[in-house]
Amino acid sequence: MQNSQSVFEKRLAKLEKILEKSKKEVAKTTEIAKDAALKAQAAVECASEAENLAENAKKRLKAAKKQLKEAKVLKIAQKNASKKSAIKRAKRMAKNKKAKTKSA
């Protein structure tokens, strides 16, 4: 009887050690999971911030393209206006030359 009781106590002690080891592993795994969750949350926040920055960059790019288009249109308009004023100036100069040659 005593022999079976000591075997039982040995098994019980072994099971208690296994249980204690399992508790430590569970605590360690829980800590790792919490750390991973915090890191994942930080990554999500960073991704969200990056997404917002990308959206703002898209808006700025769109505005810059619009300004570039307006600048090109303005440049063409200035070029045409410059041509018109050059033509007017040439006509005036031609008139002045005709007037000078007629009076001479």
Protein backbone atom coordinates (compact mmCIF):
# COMPACT_ATOMS: atom_id res chain seq x y z
CA MET A 1 0.00 0.00 0.00
CA GLN A 2 2.76 2.32 0.90
CA ASN A 3 4.54 1.52 -2.33
CA SER A 4 1.51 2.45 -4.47
CA GLN A 5 1.06 5.62 -2.43
CA SER A 6 4.66 6.72 -3.10
CA VAL A 7 4.18 6.02 -6.83
CA PHE A 8 1.02 8.11 -6.72
CA GLU A 9 2.85 10.93 -4.90
CA LYS A 10 5.68 10.82 -7.46
CA ARG A 11 3.20 11.06 -10.31
CA LEU A 12 1.38 13.87 -8.53
CA ALA A 13 4.65 15.77 -8.00
CA LYS A 14 5.55 15.24 -11.67
CA LEU A 15 2.16 16.53 -12.79
CA GLU A 16 2.49 19.56 -10.50
CA LYS A 17 5.87 20.36 -12.07
CA ILE A 18 4.36 20.03 -15.55
CA LEU A 19 1.46 22.25 -14.50
CA GLU A 20 3.86 24.87 -13.10
CA LYS A 21 5.96 24.75 -16.28
CA SER A 22 2.80 25.14 -18.38
CA LYS A 23 1.69 28.14 -16.32
CA LYS A 24 5.07 29.80 -16.92
CA GLU A 25 4.85 29.07 -20.65
CA VAL A 26 1.32 30.47 -20.80
CA ALA A 27 2.46 33.63 -19.01
CA LYS A 28 5.43 33.97 -21.36
CA THR A 29 3.28 33.37 -24.45
CA THR A 30 0.69 35.86 -23.19
CA GLU A 31 3.39 38.48 -22.73
CA ILE A 32 4.71 37.82 -26.25
CA ALA A 33 1.17 38.08 -27.66
CA LYS A 34 0.56 41.38 -25.85
CA ASP A 35 3.84 42.75 -27.19
CA ALA A 36 2.97 41.60 -30.70
CA ALA A 37 -0.47 43.21 -30.42
CA LEU A 38 1.06 46.51 -29.34
CA LYS A 39 3.53 46.39 -32.21
CA ALA A 40 0.75 45.56 -34.65
CA GLN A 41 -1.32 48.47 -33.36
CA ALA A 42 1.67 50.80 -33.77
CA ALA A 43 2.18 49.49 -37.30
CA VAL A 44 -1.48 50.14 -38.12
CA GLU A 45 -1.17 53.69 -36.79
CA CYS A 46 1.98 54.25 -38.86
CA ALA A 47 0.25 52.85 -41.94
CA SER A 48 -2.72 55.11 -41.35
CA GLU A 49 -0.46 58.14 -41.00
CA ALA A 50 1.42 57.13 -44.16
CA GLU A 51 -1.89 56.80 -45.97
CA ASN A 52 -2.90 60.31 -44.89
CA LEU A 53 0.46 61.70 -46.00
CA ALA A 54 0.11 59.95 -49.36
CA GLU A 55 -3.38 61.41 -49.78
CA ASN A 56 -2.07 64.90 -49.01
CA ALA A 57 0.79 64.39 -51.46
CA LYS A 58 -1.73 63.36 -54.14
CA LYS A 59 -3.71 66.54 -53.51
CA ARG A 60 -0.56 68.68 -53.72
CA LEU A 61 0.49 66.92 -56.93
CA LYS A 62 -2.93 67.56 -58.44
CA ALA A 63 -2.72 71.24 -57.50
CA ALA A 64 0.81 71.47 -58.90
CA LYS A 65 -0.31 69.90 -62.19
CA LYS A 66 -3.16 72.40 -62.38
CA GLN A 67 -0.78 75.31 -61.76
CA LEU A 68 1.62 73.96 -64.39
CA LYS A 69 -1.20 73.73 -66.92
CA GLU A 70 -2.28 77.29 -66.10
CA ALA A 71 1.31 78.48 -66.44
CA LYS A 72 1.62 76.84 -69.87
CA VAL A 73 -1.63 78.48 -71.00
CA LEU A 74 -0.42 81.82 -69.66
CA LYS A 75 2.92 81.42 -71.43
CA ILE A 76 1.18 80.71 -74.74
CA ALA A 77 -1.12 83.71 -74.22
CA GLN A 78 1.87 85.94 -73.46
CA LYS A 79 3.66 84.65 -76.54
CA ASN A 80 0.61 85.38 -78.72
CA ALA A 81 0.21 88.82 -77.15
CA SER A 82 3.88 89.49 -77.74
CA LYS A 83 3.49 88.50 -81.39
CA LYS A 84 0.46 90.77 -81.76
CA SER A 85 2.26 93.72 -80.21
CA ALA A 86 5.28 93.06 -82.44
CA ILE A 87 3.00 93.08 -85.50
CA LYS A 88 1.35 96.31 -84.36
CA ARG A 89 4.77 97.87 -83.77
CA ALA A 90 5.95 96.78 -87.22
CA LYS A 91 2.83 98.25 -88.83
CA ARG A 92 3.36 101.53 -86.98
CA MET A 93 6.98 101.64 -88.04
CA ALA A 94 5.98 100.90 -91.63
CA LYS A 95 3.40 103.70 -91.51
CA ASN A 96 5.98 106.10 -90.09
CA LYS A 97 8.46 105.20 -92.83
CA LYS A 98 5.79 105.75 -95.51
CA ALA A 99 4.86 109.07 -93.96
CA LYS A 100 8.54 110.13 -93.83
CA THR A 101 9.18 109.08 -97.41
CA LYS A 102 6.04 110.90 -98.66
CA SER A 103 6.94 114.10 -96.87
CA ALA A 104 10.53 114.03 -98.09
